[in-house]
Amino acid sequence: MDTRGTTICAVKKDGITAIAGDGQVTMGQSIILKSNAIKVKRIYNDEVVVGFAGSVSDAFALSEKMEEMLRKYSGNLMRSVVELAEEWRKGSMLRSLEAMLIIADKESLFIVGGDGNVVDPQDGVCAIGSGGNYALAAARALIENCDLSAEEIARKSMKIAADLCVFTNHNVIVETI
């Protein structure tokens, strides 16, 4: 079963990072399996926020592996994402996961892929998933042209993405850190 369809958007502004995700899970190109999935959550004693997109089982596996790395490196997010990427690149995992995470703590924001890539967004704005490009464009425009909070920008960006992407819905969960 191929389950896909989500958008995750993160905005870092004024010392606050908001990660927003929609609730839609689809099968193939035409079936909505669920409209209220929770794809943004707190991990590592509520000190880290993670949003995930991609294959559901792979996203959970990547999220769990990320939390394992956070425990191993005492919550050091940068070290944890780098070590996770290194483990993937060394081939210790059996296959490439079809998932991506946006992950943040109080200081850092990263995109982590199941293929071992790690990206530190240069402008504090990033998005992944089927509607990621729509949310990213909206967030960049809003952060440059409005005096909204990180959470407000993330919510508005997700609304725009949901209006444009059939795999994204308006059931948005936002976590801030």
N, C-alpha and C. Protein backbone atom coordinates (compact mmCIF):
# COMPACT_ATOMS: atom_id res chain seq x y z
N MET A 1 0.85 -1.18 0.00
CA MET A 1 0.00 0.00 0.00
C MET A 1 0.89 1.24 0.00
N ASP A 2 0.73 2.08 -0.98
CA ASP A 2 1.52 3.29 -1.12
C ASP A 2 0.73 4.47 -0.54
N THR A 3 1.09 4.91 0.65
CA THR A 3 0.38 6.02 1.28
C THR A 3 1.24 7.26 1.25
N ARG A 4 0.69 8.31 0.69
CA ARG A 4 1.42 9.56 0.53
C ARG A 4 0.46 10.73 0.67
N GLY A 5 1.02 11.90 0.57
CA GLY A 5 0.21 13.11 0.53
C GLY A 5 0.27 13.86 1.83
N THR A 6 1.11 14.84 1.87
CA THR A 6 1.20 15.68 3.05
C THR A 6 1.98 16.93 2.71
N THR A 7 1.89 17.90 3.58
CA THR A 7 2.73 19.09 3.49
C THR A 7 3.16 19.45 4.90
N ILE A 8 4.44 19.72 5.05
CA ILE A 8 5.01 20.19 6.30
C ILE A 8 5.74 21.49 6.00
N CYS A 9 5.51 22.51 6.82
CA CYS A 9 6.14 23.82 6.61
C CYS A 9 6.70 24.31 7.95
N ALA A 10 7.93 24.84 7.92
CA ALA A 10 8.55 25.37 9.13
C ALA A 10 8.98 26.81 8.89
N VAL A 11 8.77 27.62 9.92
CA VAL A 11 9.15 29.03 9.87
C VAL A 11 9.85 29.37 11.17
N LYS A 12 11.04 29.93 11.04
CA LYS A 12 11.81 30.37 12.21
C LYS A 12 11.88 31.89 12.16
N LYS A 13 11.33 32.52 13.21
CA LYS A 13 11.29 33.98 13.24
C LYS A 13 11.28 34.46 14.69
N ASP A 14 12.07 35.47 14.97
CA ASP A 14 12.10 36.09 16.30
C ASP A 14 12.32 35.08 17.42
N GLY A 15 13.18 34.10 17.19
CA GLY A 15 13.51 33.12 18.23
C GLY A 15 12.49 32.01 18.42
N ILE A 16 11.46 31.99 17.60
CA ILE A 16 10.43 30.95 17.67
C ILE A 16 10.42 30.20 16.35
N THR A 17 10.33 28.87 16.43
CA THR A 17 10.16 28.05 15.23
C THR A 17 8.81 27.38 15.31
N ALA A 18 8.04 27.51 14.24
CA ALA A 18 6.74 26.85 14.13
C ALA A 18 6.83 25.81 13.02
N ILE A 19 6.40 24.60 13.32
CA ILE A 19 6.32 23.54 12.31
C ILE A 19 4.86 23.16 12.19
N ALA A 20 4.35 23.25 10.96
CA ALA A 20 2.94 22.96 10.68
C ALA A 20 2.83 21.80 9.71
N GLY A 21 1.82 20.97 9.92
CA GLY A 21 1.57 19.86 9.01
C GLY A 21 0.09 19.63 8.83
N ASP A 22 -0.29 19.20 7.65
CA ASP A 22 -1.70 18.90 7.39
C ASP A 22 -2.01 17.49 7.84
N GLY A 23 -3.28 17.09 7.72
CA GLY A 23 -3.70 15.80 8.24
C GLY A 23 -4.06 14.76 7.21
N GLN A 24 -3.80 15.03 5.93
CA GLN A 24 -4.26 14.13 4.89
C GLN A 24 -3.29 12.99 4.60
N VAL A 25 -3.83 11.78 4.52
CA VAL A 25 -3.09 10.61 4.09
C VAL A 25 -3.85 10.04 2.91
N THR A 26 -3.15 9.86 1.78
CA THR A 26 -3.80 9.35 0.59
C THR A 26 -3.18 8.03 0.17
N MET A 27 -3.95 7.29 -0.59
CA MET A 27 -3.46 6.05 -1.20
C MET A 27 -3.55 6.25 -2.71
N GLY A 28 -2.41 6.15 -3.35
CA GLY A 28 -2.39 6.37 -4.79
C GLY A 28 -2.74 7.80 -5.13
N GLN A 29 -3.40 7.98 -6.25
CA GLN A 29 -3.72 9.31 -6.74
C GLN A 29 -5.15 9.75 -6.46
N SER A 30 -5.98 8.85 -5.88
CA SER A 30 -7.40 9.22 -5.82
C SER A 30 -8.13 8.88 -4.52
N ILE A 31 -7.48 8.29 -3.55
CA ILE A 31 -8.19 7.87 -2.35
C ILE A 31 -7.61 8.56 -1.12
N ILE A 32 -8.48 9.23 -0.37
CA ILE A 32 -8.08 9.81 0.90
C ILE A 32 -8.38 8.76 1.97
N LEU A 33 -7.32 8.28 2.62
CA LEU A 33 -7.48 7.28 3.67
C LEU A 33 -7.86 7.91 5.00
N LYS A 34 -7.31 9.10 5.25
CA LYS A 34 -7.52 9.74 6.54
C LYS A 34 -7.32 11.24 6.35
N SER A 35 -8.11 12.02 7.07
CA SER A 35 -7.98 13.48 6.93
C SER A 35 -7.45 14.15 8.19
N ASN A 36 -7.27 13.39 9.27
CA ASN A 36 -6.85 14.01 10.52
C ASN A 36 -5.61 13.35 11.14
N ALA A 37 -4.70 12.89 10.29
CA ALA A 37 -3.46 12.31 10.80
C ALA A 37 -2.62 13.40 11.46
N ILE A 38 -1.86 13.02 12.45
CA ILE A 38 -0.97 13.97 13.13
C ILE A 38 0.45 13.68 12.66
N LYS A 39 1.02 14.65 11.94
CA LYS A 39 2.34 14.47 11.34
C LYS A 39 3.36 15.43 11.91
N VAL A 40 2.98 16.16 12.93
CA VAL A 40 3.89 17.05 13.64
C VAL A 40 3.79 16.68 15.11
N LYS A 41 4.95 16.43 15.72
CA LYS A 41 4.91 16.02 17.13
C LYS A 41 6.18 16.46 17.84
N ARG A 42 6.12 16.40 19.14
CA ARG A 42 7.28 16.69 19.98
C ARG A 42 7.95 15.37 20.33
N ILE A 43 9.27 15.39 20.34
CA ILE A 43 10.05 14.22 20.74
C ILE A 43 11.13 14.67 21.71
N TYR A 44 11.87 13.73 22.22
CA TYR A 44 12.98 13.98 23.12
C TYR A 44 12.58 14.93 24.26
N ASN A 45 11.72 14.45 25.11
CA ASN A 45 11.25 15.19 26.29
C ASN A 45 10.64 16.55 25.93
N ASP A 46 9.96 16.61 24.80
CA ASP A 46 9.29 17.82 24.31
C ASP A 46 10.26 18.95 23.95
N GLU A 47 11.56 18.64 23.81
CA GLU A 47 12.56 19.66 23.49
C GLU A 47 12.78 19.81 21.99
N VAL A 48 12.24 18.89 21.20
CA VAL A 48 12.43 18.89 19.75
C VAL A 48 11.07 18.70 19.09
N VAL A 49 10.85 19.44 18.00
CA VAL A 49 9.62 19.29 17.22
C VAL A 49 9.99 18.70 15.87
N VAL A 50 9.21 17.73 15.44
CA VAL A 50 9.47 17.07 14.17
C VAL A 50 8.18 16.98 13.36
N GLY A 51 8.29 17.22 12.06
CA GLY A 51 7.20 17.02 11.12
C GLY A 51 7.69 16.08 10.04
N PHE A 52 6.85 15.14 9.61
CA PHE A 52 7.32 14.15 8.65
C PHE A 52 6.40 14.01 7.46
N ALA A 53 7.02 13.72 6.31
CA ALA A 53 6.30 13.53 5.06
C ALA A 53 6.90 12.33 4.34
N GLY A 54 6.09 11.69 3.53
CA GLY A 54 6.54 10.55 2.74
C GLY A 54 5.78 9.30 3.11
N SER A 55 6.35 8.18 2.80
CA SER A 55 5.75 6.90 3.15
C SER A 55 5.55 6.85 4.66
N VAL A 56 4.36 6.51 5.10
CA VAL A 56 4.02 6.57 6.52
C VAL A 56 4.95 5.71 7.37
N SER A 57 5.14 4.47 6.99
CA SER A 57 6.00 3.60 7.79
C SER A 57 7.45 4.09 7.79
N ASP A 58 7.92 4.58 6.65
CA ASP A 58 9.28 5.10 6.58
C ASP A 58 9.43 6.37 7.40
N ALA A 59 8.40 7.21 7.39
CA ALA A 59 8.45 8.44 8.19
C ALA A 59 8.53 8.12 9.68
N PHE A 60 7.76 7.13 10.11
CA PHE A 60 7.83 6.72 11.52
C PHE A 60 9.20 6.14 11.84
N ALA A 61 9.73 5.33 10.94
CA ALA A 61 11.05 4.74 11.17
C ALA A 61 12.13 5.82 11.27
N LEU A 62 12.08 6.81 10.38
CA LEU A 62 13.06 7.89 10.41
C LEU A 62 12.90 8.73 11.67
N SER A 63 11.66 9.00 12.06
CA SER A 63 11.41 9.77 13.28
C SER A 63 11.92 9.03 14.51
N GLU A 64 11.67 7.73 14.58
CA GLU A 64 12.16 6.94 15.71
C GLU A 64 13.67 6.88 15.74
N LYS A 65 14.29 6.75 14.58
CA LYS A 65 15.75 6.72 14.52
C LYS A 65 16.32 8.07 14.95
N MET A 66 15.63 9.16 14.58
CA MET A 66 16.09 10.49 14.99
C MET A 66 16.03 10.64 16.50
N GLU A 67 14.96 10.16 17.11
CA GLU A 67 14.86 10.24 18.57
C GLU A 67 15.93 9.39 19.25
N GLU A 68 16.23 8.26 18.66
CA GLU A 68 17.30 7.41 19.19
C GLU A 68 18.64 8.16 19.16
N MET A 69 18.91 8.86 18.06
CA MET A 69 20.15 9.64 17.95
C MET A 69 20.17 10.79 18.97
N LEU A 70 19.04 11.43 19.19
CA LEU A 70 18.97 12.51 20.19
C LEU A 70 19.31 11.98 21.58
N ARG A 71 18.81 10.80 21.90
CA ARG A 71 19.15 10.20 23.20
C ARG A 71 20.64 9.87 23.27
N LYS A 72 21.16 9.34 22.19
CA LYS A 72 22.57 8.95 22.15
C LYS A 72 23.49 10.16 22.31
N TYR A 73 23.09 11.30 21.74
CA TYR A 73 23.94 12.51 21.77
C TYR A 73 23.37 13.59 22.68
N SER A 74 22.67 13.19 23.70
CA SER A 74 22.18 14.06 24.78
C SER A 74 21.44 15.30 24.27
N GLY A 75 20.63 15.11 23.23
CA GLY A 75 19.81 16.21 22.73
C GLY A 75 20.50 17.17 21.79
N ASN A 76 21.76 16.91 21.45
CA ASN A 76 22.47 17.79 20.52
C ASN A 76 21.92 17.52 19.12
N LEU A 77 21.05 18.44 18.65
CA LEU A 77 20.34 18.21 17.40
C LEU A 77 21.29 18.17 16.21
N MET A 78 22.21 19.10 16.12
CA MET A 78 23.11 19.11 14.97
C MET A 78 23.92 17.82 14.90
N ARG A 79 24.46 17.41 16.00
CA ARG A 79 25.24 16.16 16.02
C ARG A 79 24.36 14.97 15.67
N SER A 80 23.14 14.97 16.17
CA SER A 80 22.22 13.86 15.92
C SER A 80 21.86 13.74 14.45
N VAL A 81 21.55 14.86 13.79
CA VAL A 81 21.18 14.78 12.36
C VAL A 81 22.38 14.40 11.51
N VAL A 82 23.56 14.88 11.86
CA VAL A 82 24.77 14.53 11.10
C VAL A 82 25.08 13.05 11.27
N GLU A 83 24.98 12.55 12.48
CA GLU A 83 25.25 11.13 12.72
C GLU A 83 24.22 10.25 12.03
N LEU A 84 22.97 10.67 12.03
CA LEU A 84 21.93 9.92 11.33
C LEU A 84 22.24 9.87 9.84
N ALA A 85 22.61 11.00 9.26
CA ALA A 85 22.96 11.04 7.84
C ALA A 85 24.16 10.16 7.54
N GLU A 86 25.15 10.20 8.41
CA GLU A 86 26.34 9.38 8.22
C GLU A 86 25.99 7.90 8.25
N GLU A 87 25.13 7.51 9.17
CA GLU A 87 24.72 6.11 9.25
C GLU A 87 24.05 5.67 7.96
N TRP A 88 23.20 6.53 7.40
CA TRP A 88 22.52 6.19 6.15
C TRP A 88 23.54 6.06 5.02
N ARG A 89 24.47 6.99 4.94
CA ARG A 89 25.44 6.99 3.84
C ARG A 89 26.40 5.81 3.92
N LYS A 90 26.68 5.34 5.11
CA LYS A 90 27.57 4.18 5.25
C LYS A 90 26.86 2.89 4.86
N GLY A 91 25.56 2.97 4.64
CA GLY A 91 24.83 1.80 4.21
C GLY A 91 24.44 0.86 5.31
N SER A 92 24.47 1.32 6.57
CA SER A 92 24.11 0.42 7.65
C SER A 92 22.60 0.17 7.68
N MET A 93 21.85 1.03 7.04
CA MET A 93 20.42 0.78 6.93
C MET A 93 20.19 -0.11 5.71
N LEU A 94 19.18 -0.95 5.75
CA LEU A 94 18.95 -1.91 4.68
C LEU A 94 18.48 -1.27 3.37
N ARG A 95 17.81 -0.14 3.44
CA ARG A 95 17.31 0.50 2.23
C ARG A 95 17.14 1.98 2.47
N SER A 96 16.96 2.69 1.41
CA SER A 96 16.71 4.13 1.51
C SER A 96 15.25 4.35 1.88
N LEU A 97 15.05 5.12 2.91
CA LEU A 97 13.68 5.40 3.34
C LEU A 97 13.06 6.47 2.45
N GLU A 98 11.80 6.29 2.11
CA GLU A 98 11.08 7.26 1.29
C GLU A 98 10.34 8.22 2.21
N ALA A 99 11.11 9.02 2.93
CA ALA A 99 10.51 9.95 3.87
C ALA A 99 11.48 11.09 4.12
N MET A 100 10.93 12.19 4.63
CA MET A 100 11.74 13.33 5.02
C MET A 100 11.18 13.89 6.32
N LEU A 101 12.06 14.53 7.09
CA LEU A 101 11.67 15.19 8.33
C LEU A 101 12.07 16.65 8.26
N ILE A 102 11.27 17.48 8.89
CA ILE A 102 11.72 18.81 9.29
C ILE A 102 11.81 18.72 10.79
N ILE A 103 12.94 19.11 11.33
CA ILE A 103 13.16 18.94 12.76
C ILE A 103 13.81 20.19 13.34
N ALA A 104 13.34 20.60 14.52
CA ALA A 104 13.85 21.83 15.13
C ALA A 104 13.92 21.71 16.64
N ASP A 105 14.90 22.41 17.19
CA ASP A 105 14.94 22.65 18.62
C ASP A 105 14.99 24.17 18.80
N LYS A 106 15.33 24.64 19.97
CA LYS A 106 15.32 26.09 20.22
C LYS A 106 16.32 26.86 19.36
N GLU A 107 17.40 26.21 18.93
CA GLU A 107 18.44 26.90 18.18
C GLU A 107 18.47 26.56 16.70
N SER A 108 18.14 25.34 16.34
CA SER A 108 18.41 24.84 14.99
C SER A 108 17.16 24.38 14.26
N LEU A 109 17.26 24.36 12.94
CA LEU A 109 16.20 23.87 12.06
C LEU A 109 16.87 23.11 10.92
N PHE A 110 16.39 21.87 10.66
CA PHE A 110 16.98 21.05 9.62
C PHE A 110 15.90 20.31 8.84
N ILE A 111 16.25 20.00 7.58
CA ILE A 111 15.50 19.02 6.79
C ILE A 111 16.38 17.79 6.74
N VAL A 112 15.81 16.62 7.08
CA VAL A 112 16.55 15.37 7.09
C VAL A 112 15.81 14.39 6.18
N GLY A 113 16.55 13.80 5.26
CA GLY A 113 15.95 12.83 4.34
C GLY A 113 16.37 11.42 4.66
N GLY A 114 15.52 10.48 4.33
CA GLY A 114 15.83 9.07 4.51
C GLY A 114 16.96 8.60 3.62
N ASP A 115 17.37 9.45 2.67
CA ASP A 115 18.50 9.12 1.81
C ASP A 115 19.82 9.61 2.40
N GLY A 116 19.77 10.21 3.59
CA GLY A 116 20.98 10.66 4.25
C GLY A 116 21.31 12.12 4.07
N ASN A 117 20.48 12.87 3.37
CA ASN A 117 20.73 14.30 3.20
C ASN A 117 20.28 15.10 4.41
N VAL A 118 21.06 16.14 4.74
CA VAL A 118 20.72 17.07 5.81
C VAL A 118 20.87 18.48 5.24
N VAL A 119 19.83 19.30 5.42
CA VAL A 119 19.86 20.67 4.93
C VAL A 119 19.51 21.61 6.08
N ASP A 120 20.33 22.63 6.24
CA ASP A 120 20.08 23.71 7.19
C ASP A 120 19.56 24.89 6.36
N PRO A 121 18.26 25.16 6.37
CA PRO A 121 17.71 26.21 5.50
C PRO A 121 18.36 27.56 5.78
N GLN A 122 18.78 28.24 4.73
CA GLN A 122 19.52 29.48 4.90
C GLN A 122 18.67 30.63 5.40
N ASP A 123 17.38 30.61 5.15
CA ASP A 123 16.54 31.75 5.54
C ASP A 123 15.55 31.43 6.65
N GLY A 124 15.68 30.27 7.28
CA GLY A 124 14.79 29.92 8.38
C GLY A 124 13.39 29.51 7.94
N VAL A 125 13.24 29.20 6.67
CA VAL A 125 11.95 28.77 6.13
C VAL A 125 12.20 27.52 5.29
N CYS A 126 11.38 26.49 5.50
CA CYS A 126 11.50 25.29 4.67
C CYS A 126 10.16 24.57 4.63
N ALA A 127 10.02 23.70 3.65
CA ALA A 127 8.80 22.91 3.51
C ALA A 127 9.12 21.64 2.74
N ILE A 128 8.38 20.59 3.03
CA ILE A 128 8.54 19.30 2.36
C ILE A 128 7.17 18.74 2.03
N GLY A 129 7.16 17.70 1.23
CA GLY A 129 5.92 16.99 0.92
C GLY A 129 5.30 17.46 -0.37
N SER A 130 4.14 16.91 -0.66
CA SER A 130 3.48 17.16 -1.94
C SER A 130 3.14 18.63 -2.17
N GLY A 131 2.80 19.34 -1.13
CA GLY A 131 2.50 20.77 -1.25
C GLY A 131 3.62 21.65 -0.75
N GLY A 132 4.79 21.06 -0.56
CA GLY A 132 5.92 21.78 0.01
C GLY A 132 6.33 23.02 -0.76
N ASN A 133 6.36 22.93 -2.08
CA ASN A 133 6.77 24.11 -2.87
C ASN A 133 5.78 25.25 -2.74
N TYR A 134 4.49 24.94 -2.65
CA TYR A 134 3.48 25.99 -2.46
C TYR A 134 3.65 26.65 -1.09
N ALA A 135 3.79 25.83 -0.07
CA ALA A 135 3.95 26.36 1.29
C ALA A 135 5.24 27.15 1.42
N LEU A 136 6.31 26.67 0.81
CA LEU A 136 7.60 27.36 0.87
C LEU A 136 7.51 28.74 0.21
N ALA A 137 6.91 28.80 -0.97
CA ALA A 137 6.77 30.09 -1.66
C ALA A 137 5.93 31.06 -0.84
N ALA A 138 4.84 30.56 -0.28
CA ALA A 138 3.98 31.41 0.53
C ALA A 138 4.70 31.90 1.78
N ALA A 139 5.42 31.01 2.46
CA ALA A 139 6.12 31.39 3.68
C ALA A 139 7.22 32.41 3.40
N ARG A 140 7.94 32.23 2.31
CA ARG A 140 8.98 33.21 1.96
C ARG A 140 8.39 34.57 1.67
N ALA A 141 7.28 34.60 0.96
CA ALA A 141 6.64 35.88 0.66
C ALA A 141 6.12 36.54 1.93
N LEU A 142 5.50 35.75 2.80
CA LEU A 142 4.94 36.30 4.03
C LEU A 142 6.02 36.78 4.99
N ILE A 143 7.10 36.02 5.13
CA ILE A 143 8.14 36.41 6.10
C ILE A 143 8.82 37.71 5.67
N GLU A 144 8.90 37.95 4.37
CA GLU A 144 9.54 39.16 3.87
C GLU A 144 8.61 40.37 3.84
N ASN A 145 7.31 40.14 3.82
CA ASN A 145 6.38 41.24 3.56
C ASN A 145 5.32 41.47 4.63
N CYS A 146 5.34 40.70 5.70
CA CYS A 146 4.32 40.84 6.73
C CYS A 146 4.97 40.85 8.11
N ASP A 147 4.24 41.37 9.07
CA ASP A 147 4.73 41.39 10.45
C ASP A 147 3.99 40.34 11.27
N LEU A 148 3.88 39.13 10.72
CA LEU A 148 3.19 38.04 11.39
C LEU A 148 4.19 37.20 12.19
N SER A 149 3.69 36.47 13.17
CA SER A 149 4.54 35.57 13.95
C SER A 149 4.89 34.34 13.12
N ALA A 150 5.85 33.58 13.60
CA ALA A 150 6.24 32.34 12.92
C ALA A 150 5.04 31.40 12.78
N GLU A 151 4.25 31.27 13.84
CA GLU A 151 3.07 30.39 13.78
C GLU A 151 2.05 30.88 12.78
N GLU A 152 1.79 32.18 12.76
CA GLU A 152 0.81 32.72 11.80
C GLU A 152 1.27 32.52 10.36
N ILE A 153 2.55 32.71 10.11
CA ILE A 153 3.08 32.51 8.76
C ILE A 153 2.96 31.05 8.36
N ALA A 154 3.31 30.14 9.27
CA ALA A 154 3.21 28.71 8.98
C ALA A 154 1.76 28.32 8.68
N ARG A 155 0.82 28.81 9.48
CA ARG A 155 -0.60 28.49 9.25
C ARG A 155 -1.10 29.03 7.91
N LYS A 156 -0.78 30.28 7.61
CA LYS A 156 -1.22 30.88 6.35
C LYS A 156 -0.59 30.18 5.15
N SER A 157 0.67 29.80 5.28
CA SER A 157 1.35 29.08 4.20
C SER A 157 0.71 27.72 3.96
N MET A 158 0.33 27.05 5.03
CA MET A 158 -0.34 25.76 4.90
C MET A 158 -1.71 25.91 4.25
N LYS A 159 -2.42 26.99 4.57
CA LYS A 159 -3.72 27.24 3.94
C LYS A 159 -3.56 27.42 2.43
N ILE A 160 -2.56 28.18 2.04
CA ILE A 160 -2.30 28.38 0.61
C ILE A 160 -1.96 27.06 -0.06
N ALA A 161 -1.10 26.27 0.57
CA ALA A 161 -0.74 24.96 0.01
C ALA A 161 -1.96 24.07 -0.12
N ALA A 162 -2.81 24.05 0.89
CA ALA A 162 -4.01 23.21 0.85
C ALA A 162 -4.99 23.66 -0.23
N ASP A 163 -5.01 24.96 -0.51
CA ASP A 163 -5.87 25.47 -1.58
C ASP A 163 -5.37 25.04 -2.96
N LEU A 164 -4.08 24.70 -3.08
CA LEU A 164 -3.47 24.40 -4.38
C LEU A 164 -3.14 22.93 -4.58
N CYS A 165 -2.83 22.21 -3.53
CA CYS A 165 -2.37 20.83 -3.64
C CYS A 165 -3.48 19.87 -3.23
N VAL A 166 -3.85 18.96 -4.12
CA VAL A 166 -4.94 18.02 -3.82
C VAL A 166 -4.54 16.98 -2.77
N PHE A 167 -3.25 16.87 -2.46
CA PHE A 167 -2.79 15.92 -1.46
C PHE A 167 -2.57 16.56 -0.10
N THR A 168 -3.03 17.80 0.05
CA THR A 168 -2.89 18.56 1.30
C THR A 168 -4.26 19.06 1.71
N ASN A 169 -4.60 18.94 3.00
CA ASN A 169 -5.88 19.45 3.44
C ASN A 169 -5.72 20.59 4.45
N HIS A 170 -6.85 21.13 4.90
CA HIS A 170 -6.86 22.28 5.79
C HIS A 170 -6.83 21.89 7.27
N ASN A 171 -6.72 20.62 7.58
CA ASN A 171 -6.64 20.17 8.96
C ASN A 171 -5.19 20.27 9.40
N VAL A 172 -4.82 21.43 9.96
CA VAL A 172 -3.42 21.75 10.24
C VAL A 172 -3.13 21.68 11.74
N ILE A 173 -2.02 21.02 12.04
CA ILE A 173 -1.48 20.97 13.41
C ILE A 173 -0.19 21.77 13.40
N VAL A 174 -0.02 22.64 14.40
CA VAL A 174 1.19 23.44 14.52
C VAL A 174 1.79 23.25 15.90
N GLU A 175 3.09 23.02 15.93
CA GLU A 175 3.85 22.98 17.18
C GLU A 175 4.91 24.06 17.10
N THR A 176 5.12 24.77 18.20
CA THR A 176 6.16 25.81 18.23
C THR A 176 7.20 25.47 19.28
N ILE A 177 8.37 25.99 19.06
CA ILE A 177 9.45 25.80 20.02
C ILE A 177 10.32 27.05 20.01
